[in-house]
Amino acid sequence: MWKKHGLLSYSQINSQKIKIQNTVSAIFLLDQKIDSVEFIERAALVATEFNTLSDEHKLRLKDWLDHIIEDPIRKVVLDILESDMSEEEVRRMTANITKTLQEEKEQAEKKGKLEGEREKSLEVAKKMLSKGMSIADIIEITGLIEKDIEEL
């Protein structure tokens, strides 16, 4: 049934080469709850088959992508689809993009963790102050600086 209608089954998503037969099969592949790295990788699969689509299907797919993807991913994906790159060039380009996205994600997670630790230290310092502990003890226990504690 899936092949008859040009659709993909969920089990086909992880295959190395997916035949994108029409707009519906491309959208099915891309319209999943996935992170931006996975989305770029799947867009690369679509890009390798993009030129086999009819002009109408290309237009529909680009229009759909333009409306559902946020910047800066939108520009990257549309650039990939509109390029005349070989399959190997698409893979290289998307590998570089996904590496950059992964690095940015890791940096954001690290920054979030540090901010969370700081917020927790400030909460603890507040409690310690309310219990009458000295600023010197609070600095030693929380690792905060005196200025942070005085601002509480």
N, C-alpha and C. Protein backbone atom coordinates (compact mmCIF):
# COMPACT_ATOMS: atom_id res chain seq x y z
N MET A 1 0.82 -1.19 0.00
CA MET A 1 0.00 0.00 0.00
C MET A 1 0.86 1.26 0.00
N TRP A 2 1.92 1.28 0.81
CA TRP A 2 2.74 2.48 0.91
C TRP A 2 3.34 2.87 -0.44
N LYS A 3 3.89 1.89 -1.14
CA LYS A 3 4.52 2.20 -2.43
C LYS A 3 3.49 2.65 -3.45
N LYS A 4 2.33 2.05 -3.43
CA LYS A 4 1.28 2.39 -4.38
C LYS A 4 0.93 3.88 -4.31
N HIS A 5 0.91 4.43 -3.10
CA HIS A 5 0.53 5.83 -2.92
C HIS A 5 1.73 6.76 -2.80
N GLY A 6 2.94 6.21 -2.93
CA GLY A 6 4.13 7.05 -2.86
C GLY A 6 4.43 7.54 -1.46
N LEU A 7 4.00 6.78 -0.46
CA LEU A 7 4.22 7.18 0.92
C LEU A 7 5.34 6.35 1.53
N LEU A 8 5.78 6.78 2.70
CA LEU A 8 6.81 6.07 3.43
C LEU A 8 6.23 5.49 4.70
N SER A 9 6.64 4.29 5.05
CA SER A 9 6.27 3.77 6.35
C SER A 9 7.31 4.27 7.34
N TYR A 10 6.95 4.30 8.61
CA TYR A 10 7.86 4.80 9.63
C TYR A 10 9.16 4.01 9.63
N SER A 11 9.09 2.72 9.36
CA SER A 11 10.30 1.89 9.38
C SER A 11 11.28 2.26 8.28
N GLN A 12 10.84 2.94 7.23
CA GLN A 12 11.73 3.31 6.14
C GLN A 12 12.56 4.55 6.45
N ILE A 13 12.21 5.30 7.48
CA ILE A 13 12.87 6.57 7.75
C ILE A 13 14.36 6.42 7.98
N ASN A 14 14.78 5.35 8.63
CA ASN A 14 16.19 5.18 8.95
C ASN A 14 17.01 4.54 7.82
N SER A 15 16.39 4.24 6.71
CA SER A 15 17.13 3.60 5.63
C SER A 15 18.10 4.58 4.99
N GLN A 16 19.15 4.07 4.39
CA GLN A 16 20.18 4.90 3.78
C GLN A 16 19.65 5.72 2.61
N LYS A 17 18.83 5.11 1.79
CA LYS A 17 18.36 5.76 0.58
C LYS A 17 16.85 5.63 0.53
N ILE A 18 16.17 6.72 0.51
CA ILE A 18 14.72 6.72 0.48
C ILE A 18 14.27 7.33 -0.83
N LYS A 19 13.38 6.69 -1.48
CA LYS A 19 12.87 7.20 -2.74
C LYS A 19 11.75 8.19 -2.45
N ILE A 20 12.02 9.46 -2.70
CA ILE A 20 11.01 10.50 -2.51
C ILE A 20 10.25 10.60 -3.83
N GLN A 21 9.01 10.09 -3.82
CA GLN A 21 8.24 10.03 -5.05
C GLN A 21 7.33 11.23 -5.25
N ASN A 22 6.94 11.89 -4.17
CA ASN A 22 6.06 13.04 -4.30
C ASN A 22 6.14 13.92 -3.06
N THR A 23 5.39 14.97 -3.04
CA THR A 23 5.42 15.91 -1.93
C THR A 23 5.00 15.23 -0.63
N VAL A 24 4.02 14.37 -0.69
CA VAL A 24 3.52 13.72 0.52
C VAL A 24 4.61 12.88 1.18
N SER A 25 5.36 12.12 0.40
CA SER A 25 6.41 11.29 0.99
C SER A 25 7.53 12.15 1.57
N ALA A 26 7.85 13.27 0.94
CA ALA A 26 8.87 14.18 1.48
C ALA A 26 8.39 14.81 2.78
N ILE A 27 7.15 15.24 2.80
CA ILE A 27 6.60 15.87 4.00
C ILE A 27 6.51 14.85 5.14
N PHE A 28 6.12 13.63 4.83
CA PHE A 28 6.05 12.60 5.86
C PHE A 28 7.42 12.39 6.50
N LEU A 29 8.45 12.38 5.69
CA LEU A 29 9.80 12.20 6.20
C LEU A 29 10.22 13.37 7.09
N LEU A 30 9.85 14.58 6.71
CA LEU A 30 10.30 15.77 7.42
C LEU A 30 9.39 16.18 8.57
N ASP A 31 8.12 15.84 8.48
CA ASP A 31 7.15 16.32 9.47
C ASP A 31 7.04 15.36 10.65
N GLN A 32 8.13 15.21 11.35
CA GLN A 32 8.21 14.38 12.54
C GLN A 32 8.73 15.25 13.69
N LYS A 33 8.53 14.81 14.90
CA LYS A 33 9.04 15.54 16.06
C LYS A 33 10.51 15.16 16.23
N ILE A 34 11.37 15.93 15.60
CA ILE A 34 12.81 15.65 15.61
C ILE A 34 13.56 16.95 15.86
N ASP A 35 14.83 16.83 16.26
CA ASP A 35 15.61 18.04 16.48
C ASP A 35 16.15 18.57 15.15
N SER A 36 16.74 19.76 15.21
CA SER A 36 17.19 20.41 13.97
C SER A 36 18.27 19.63 13.25
N VAL A 37 19.13 18.94 13.99
CA VAL A 37 20.19 18.14 13.36
C VAL A 37 19.57 17.02 12.53
N GLU A 38 18.63 16.30 13.12
CA GLU A 38 17.96 15.21 12.39
C GLU A 38 17.17 15.77 11.21
N PHE A 39 16.56 16.93 11.39
CA PHE A 39 15.78 17.54 10.31
C PHE A 39 16.69 17.84 9.12
N ILE A 40 17.85 18.42 9.36
CA ILE A 40 18.80 18.72 8.28
C ILE A 40 19.23 17.44 7.57
N GLU A 41 19.50 16.40 8.34
CA GLU A 41 19.91 15.13 7.73
C GLU A 41 18.80 14.56 6.84
N ARG A 42 17.57 14.66 7.31
CA ARG A 42 16.44 14.18 6.50
C ARG A 42 16.22 15.07 5.28
N ALA A 43 16.43 16.36 5.44
CA ALA A 43 16.30 17.28 4.31
C ALA A 43 17.34 16.93 3.24
N ALA A 44 18.50 16.47 3.67
CA ALA A 44 19.52 16.05 2.71
C ALA A 44 19.04 14.85 1.90
N LEU A 45 18.34 13.92 2.57
CA LEU A 45 17.77 12.77 1.84
C LEU A 45 16.76 13.25 0.80
N VAL A 46 15.94 14.20 1.19
CA VAL A 46 14.95 14.75 0.26
C VAL A 46 15.67 15.46 -0.89
N ALA A 47 16.73 16.20 -0.56
CA ALA A 47 17.46 16.95 -1.59
C ALA A 47 18.04 16.05 -2.66
N THR A 48 18.49 14.86 -2.27
CA THR A 48 19.09 13.96 -3.27
C THR A 48 18.06 13.47 -4.29
N GLU A 49 16.78 13.51 -3.92
CA GLU A 49 15.71 13.07 -4.82
C GLU A 49 14.87 14.24 -5.34
N PHE A 50 15.18 15.45 -4.88
CA PHE A 50 14.35 16.61 -5.18
C PHE A 50 14.16 16.83 -6.68
N ASN A 51 15.22 16.67 -7.45
CA ASN A 51 15.12 16.93 -8.89
C ASN A 51 14.30 15.88 -9.64
N THR A 52 13.97 14.78 -8.99
CA THR A 52 13.12 13.78 -9.63
C THR A 52 11.64 14.11 -9.47
N LEU A 53 11.34 15.07 -8.60
CA LEU A 53 9.95 15.48 -8.40
C LEU A 53 9.47 16.33 -9.57
N SER A 54 8.18 16.35 -9.77
CA SER A 54 7.62 17.24 -10.80
C SER A 54 7.78 18.68 -10.33
N ASP A 55 7.69 19.62 -11.26
CA ASP A 55 7.80 21.03 -10.89
C ASP A 55 6.73 21.42 -9.88
N GLU A 56 5.54 20.89 -10.06
CA GLU A 56 4.44 21.20 -9.13
C GLU A 56 4.76 20.69 -7.72
N HIS A 57 5.32 19.48 -7.63
CA HIS A 57 5.67 18.91 -6.33
C HIS A 57 6.82 19.68 -5.69
N LYS A 58 7.78 20.10 -6.50
CA LYS A 58 8.88 20.91 -5.97
C LYS A 58 8.35 22.20 -5.36
N LEU A 59 7.47 22.85 -6.09
CA LEU A 59 6.89 24.11 -5.63
C LEU A 59 6.09 23.91 -4.34
N ARG A 60 5.28 22.86 -4.29
CA ARG A 60 4.49 22.58 -3.09
C ARG A 60 5.40 22.30 -1.88
N LEU A 61 6.42 21.52 -2.10
CA LEU A 61 7.33 21.17 -1.02
C LEU A 61 8.06 22.41 -0.51
N LYS A 62 8.59 23.22 -1.42
CA LYS A 62 9.28 24.44 -0.99
C LYS A 62 8.35 25.39 -0.26
N ASP A 63 7.11 25.49 -0.73
CA ASP A 63 6.13 26.34 -0.06
C ASP A 63 5.83 25.83 1.34
N TRP A 64 5.64 24.53 1.47
CA TRP A 64 5.38 23.94 2.78
C TRP A 64 6.56 24.20 3.73
N LEU A 65 7.77 23.93 3.23
CA LEU A 65 8.96 24.15 4.05
C LEU A 65 9.10 25.61 4.47
N ASP A 66 8.82 26.50 3.54
CA ASP A 66 8.92 27.93 3.83
C ASP A 66 7.99 28.35 4.96
N HIS A 67 6.87 27.67 5.09
CA HIS A 67 5.89 28.04 6.11
C HIS A 67 6.07 27.31 7.44
N ILE A 68 6.73 26.18 7.46
CA ILE A 68 6.81 25.43 8.72
C ILE A 68 8.18 25.49 9.40
N ILE A 69 9.21 25.88 8.69
CA ILE A 69 10.55 25.90 9.28
C ILE A 69 10.88 27.33 9.70
N GLU A 70 11.51 27.44 10.86
CA GLU A 70 11.94 28.74 11.35
C GLU A 70 13.35 29.04 10.84
N ASP A 71 13.65 30.33 10.75
CA ASP A 71 15.02 30.74 10.43
C ASP A 71 15.91 30.33 11.60
N PRO A 72 17.17 30.04 11.42
CA PRO A 72 17.95 30.03 10.18
C PRO A 72 17.88 28.71 9.43
N ILE A 73 17.21 27.71 10.00
CA ILE A 73 17.13 26.39 9.36
C ILE A 73 16.43 26.49 8.00
N ARG A 74 15.40 27.35 7.90
CA ARG A 74 14.64 27.49 6.65
C ARG A 74 15.57 27.80 5.48
N LYS A 75 16.42 28.79 5.64
CA LYS A 75 17.31 29.19 4.56
C LYS A 75 18.26 28.05 4.18
N VAL A 76 18.79 27.37 5.16
CA VAL A 76 19.71 26.26 4.91
C VAL A 76 19.02 25.17 4.09
N VAL A 77 17.84 24.77 4.53
CA VAL A 77 17.12 23.68 3.85
C VAL A 77 16.74 24.08 2.43
N LEU A 78 16.22 25.29 2.26
CA LEU A 78 15.83 25.74 0.92
C LEU A 78 17.05 25.87 0.01
N ASP A 79 18.18 26.34 0.56
CA ASP A 79 19.42 26.41 -0.23
C ASP A 79 19.86 25.02 -0.68
N ILE A 80 19.74 24.05 0.22
CA ILE A 80 20.12 22.67 -0.13
C ILE A 80 19.24 22.16 -1.27
N LEU A 81 17.93 22.39 -1.16
CA LEU A 81 17.01 21.89 -2.17
C LEU A 81 17.21 22.57 -3.53
N GLU A 82 17.51 23.85 -3.51
CA GLU A 82 17.62 24.60 -4.76
C GLU A 82 18.99 24.49 -5.42
N SER A 83 19.93 23.88 -4.74
CA SER A 83 21.28 23.78 -5.32
C SER A 83 21.33 22.63 -6.33
N ASP A 84 22.34 22.67 -7.14
CA ASP A 84 22.57 21.59 -8.11
C ASP A 84 23.73 20.71 -7.65
N MET A 85 23.84 20.54 -6.36
CA MET A 85 24.95 19.77 -5.81
C MET A 85 24.73 18.28 -6.03
N SER A 86 25.85 17.59 -6.09
CA SER A 86 25.79 16.13 -6.16
C SER A 86 25.40 15.59 -4.79
N GLU A 87 25.07 14.33 -4.76
CA GLU A 87 24.70 13.69 -3.49
C GLU A 87 25.83 13.81 -2.47
N GLU A 88 27.06 13.64 -2.93
CA GLU A 88 28.22 13.74 -2.03
C GLU A 88 28.39 15.16 -1.51
N GLU A 89 28.18 16.16 -2.37
CA GLU A 89 28.28 17.56 -1.94
C GLU A 89 27.19 17.90 -0.92
N VAL A 90 26.00 17.38 -1.14
CA VAL A 90 24.90 17.59 -0.18
C VAL A 90 25.27 16.97 1.16
N ARG A 91 25.80 15.76 1.13
CA ARG A 91 26.21 15.09 2.38
C ARG A 91 27.27 15.90 3.12
N ARG A 92 28.27 16.39 2.38
CA ARG A 92 29.33 17.19 3.01
C ARG A 92 28.76 18.46 3.62
N MET A 93 27.91 19.15 2.86
CA MET A 93 27.32 20.39 3.34
C MET A 93 26.48 20.15 4.59
N THR A 94 25.64 19.15 4.56
CA THR A 94 24.79 18.88 5.71
C THR A 94 25.60 18.37 6.90
N ALA A 95 26.67 17.65 6.63
CA ALA A 95 27.53 17.19 7.74
C ALA A 95 28.13 18.41 8.46
N ASN A 96 28.58 19.39 7.68
CA ASN A 96 29.13 20.61 8.29
C ASN A 96 28.06 21.37 9.07
N ILE A 97 26.88 21.46 8.50
CA ILE A 97 25.78 22.18 9.16
C ILE A 97 25.38 21.45 10.44
N THR A 98 25.22 20.15 10.36
CA THR A 98 24.80 19.40 11.55
C THR A 98 25.87 19.45 12.64
N LYS A 99 27.13 19.46 12.24
CA LYS A 99 28.21 19.59 13.24
C LYS A 99 28.11 20.93 13.95
N THR A 100 27.88 21.99 13.19
CA THR A 100 27.74 23.32 13.77
C THR A 100 26.52 23.38 14.69
N LEU A 101 25.40 22.84 14.24
CA LEU A 101 24.19 22.83 15.07
C LEU A 101 24.40 22.04 16.35
N GLN A 102 25.09 20.91 16.25
CA GLN A 102 25.36 20.09 17.43
C GLN A 102 26.25 20.84 18.41
N GLU A 103 27.27 21.53 17.91
CA GLU A 103 28.16 22.31 18.77
C GLU A 103 27.39 23.43 19.46
N GLU A 104 26.51 24.11 18.71
CA GLU A 104 25.70 25.17 19.30
C GLU A 104 24.78 24.62 20.37
N LYS A 105 24.19 23.47 20.13
CA LYS A 105 23.31 22.83 21.11
C LYS A 105 24.08 22.49 22.38
N GLU A 106 25.26 21.93 22.22
CA GLU A 106 26.08 21.58 23.38
C GLU A 106 26.48 22.82 24.17
N GLN A 107 26.84 23.90 23.47
CA GLN A 107 27.19 25.15 24.16
C GLN A 107 25.99 25.71 24.92
N ALA A 108 24.82 25.66 24.30
CA ALA A 108 23.60 26.17 24.95
C ALA A 108 23.27 25.33 26.19
N GLU A 109 23.44 24.01 26.09
CA GLU A 109 23.18 23.14 27.23
C GLU A 109 24.16 23.44 28.37
N LYS A 110 25.41 23.63 28.02
CA LYS A 110 26.43 23.95 29.02
C LYS A 110 26.12 25.28 29.70
N LYS A 111 25.76 26.27 28.90
CA LYS A 111 25.42 27.58 29.44
C LYS A 111 24.20 27.48 30.36
N GLY A 112 23.19 26.74 29.93
CA GLY A 112 21.99 26.54 30.74
C GLY A 112 22.29 25.85 32.06
N LYS A 113 23.17 24.87 32.01
CA LYS A 113 23.56 24.16 33.23
C LYS A 113 24.26 25.11 34.19
N LEU A 114 25.18 25.91 33.68
CA LEU A 114 25.90 26.87 34.53
C LEU A 114 24.94 27.89 35.13
N GLU A 115 24.00 28.37 34.34
CA GLU A 115 23.02 29.34 34.84
C GLU A 115 22.15 28.70 35.91
N GLY A 116 21.77 27.46 35.71
CA GLY A 116 20.97 26.73 36.70
C GLY A 116 21.72 26.54 38.01
N GLU A 117 22.99 26.20 37.89
CA GLU A 117 23.81 26.03 39.10
C GLU A 117 23.94 27.36 39.85
N ARG A 118 24.11 28.44 39.11
CA ARG A 118 24.23 29.76 39.74
C ARG A 118 22.92 30.13 40.45
N GLU A 119 21.78 29.89 39.79
CA GLU A 119 20.48 30.18 40.40
C GLU A 119 20.29 29.37 41.68
N LYS A 120 20.70 28.12 41.64
CA LYS A 120 20.57 27.27 42.83
C LYS A 120 21.46 27.80 43.95
N SER A 121 22.68 28.21 43.61
CA SER A 121 23.58 28.77 44.62
C SER A 121 22.99 30.05 45.23
N LEU A 122 22.35 30.86 44.41
CA LEU A 122 21.72 32.08 44.93
C LEU A 122 20.56 31.75 45.87
N GLU A 123 19.78 30.73 45.51
CA GLU A 123 18.68 30.29 46.39
C GLU A 123 19.22 29.82 47.74
N VAL A 124 20.26 29.01 47.69
CA VAL A 124 20.87 28.49 48.92
C VAL A 124 21.42 29.65 49.75
N ALA A 125 22.08 30.59 49.09
CA ALA A 125 22.64 31.74 49.80
C ALA A 125 21.55 32.55 50.49
N LYS A 126 20.41 32.71 49.82
CA LYS A 126 19.27 33.42 50.42
C LYS A 126 18.83 32.73 51.71
N LYS A 127 18.69 31.42 51.64
CA LYS A 127 18.28 30.66 52.82
C LYS A 127 19.31 30.78 53.94
N MET A 128 20.57 30.73 53.55
CA MET A 128 21.64 30.83 54.55
C MET A 128 21.62 32.20 55.22
N LEU A 129 21.40 33.24 54.44
CA LEU A 129 21.30 34.60 55.00
C LEU A 129 20.13 34.69 55.97
N SER A 130 19.00 34.09 55.57
CA SER A 130 17.82 34.15 56.44
C SER A 130 18.03 33.39 57.75
N LYS A 131 18.97 32.46 57.76
CA LYS A 131 19.31 31.70 58.98
C LYS A 131 20.40 32.41 59.79
N GLY A 132 20.86 33.57 59.26
CA GLY A 132 21.84 34.35 60.01
C GLY A 132 23.28 33.93 59.82
N MET A 133 23.57 33.16 58.78
CA MET A 133 24.95 32.73 58.54
C MET A 133 25.78 33.91 58.03
N SER A 134 27.06 33.85 58.28
CA SER A 134 27.95 34.94 57.86
C SER A 134 28.18 34.90 56.36
N ILE A 135 28.47 36.06 55.80
CA ILE A 135 28.76 36.15 54.36
C ILE A 135 29.98 35.31 54.02
N ALA A 136 30.98 35.29 54.89
CA ALA A 136 32.19 34.49 54.64
C ALA A 136 31.85 33.01 54.52
N ASP A 137 30.97 32.51 55.40
CA ASP A 137 30.57 31.10 55.33
C ASP A 137 29.77 30.83 54.06
N ILE A 138 28.90 31.76 53.70
CA ILE A 138 28.08 31.59 52.49
C ILE A 138 28.97 31.55 51.26
N ILE A 139 29.95 32.43 51.21
CA ILE A 139 30.90 32.44 50.08
C ILE A 139 31.63 31.10 49.98
N GLU A 140 32.09 30.61 51.11
CA GLU A 140 32.83 29.35 51.14
C GLU A 140 31.97 28.17 50.69
N ILE A 141 30.73 28.13 51.13
CA ILE A 141 29.86 27.00 50.84
C ILE A 141 29.30 27.06 49.41
N THR A 142 28.88 28.25 48.96
CA THR A 142 28.21 28.36 47.66
C THR A 142 29.15 28.66 46.49
N GLY A 143 30.30 29.23 46.80
CA GLY A 143 31.21 29.62 45.72
C GLY A 143 30.84 30.94 45.07
N LEU A 144 29.82 31.61 45.60
CA LEU A 144 29.44 32.92 45.08
C LEU A 144 30.42 33.98 45.53
N ILE A 145 30.37 35.14 44.89
CA ILE A 145 31.21 36.25 45.31
C ILE A 145 30.41 37.15 46.25
N GLU A 146 31.12 37.93 47.03
CA GLU A 146 30.49 38.78 48.04
C GLU A 146 29.44 39.71 47.44
N LYS A 147 29.71 40.27 46.28
CA LYS A 147 28.79 41.19 45.63
C LYS A 147 27.43 40.52 45.37
N ASP A 148 27.47 39.26 44.89
CA ASP A 148 26.22 38.52 44.63
C ASP A 148 25.40 38.35 45.90
N ILE A 149 26.07 38.05 46.98
CA ILE A 149 25.39 37.81 48.25
C ILE A 149 24.82 39.11 48.80
N GLU A 150 25.55 40.18 48.68
CA GLU A 150 25.09 41.47 49.18
C GLU A 150 23.87 41.97 48.41
N GLU A 151 23.75 41.57 47.13
CA GLU A 151 22.61 41.98 46.32
C GLU A 151 21.34 41.21 46.66
N LEU A 152 21.48 40.15 47.42
CA LEU A 152 20.30 39.36 47.82
C LEU A 152 19.55 40.12 48.88
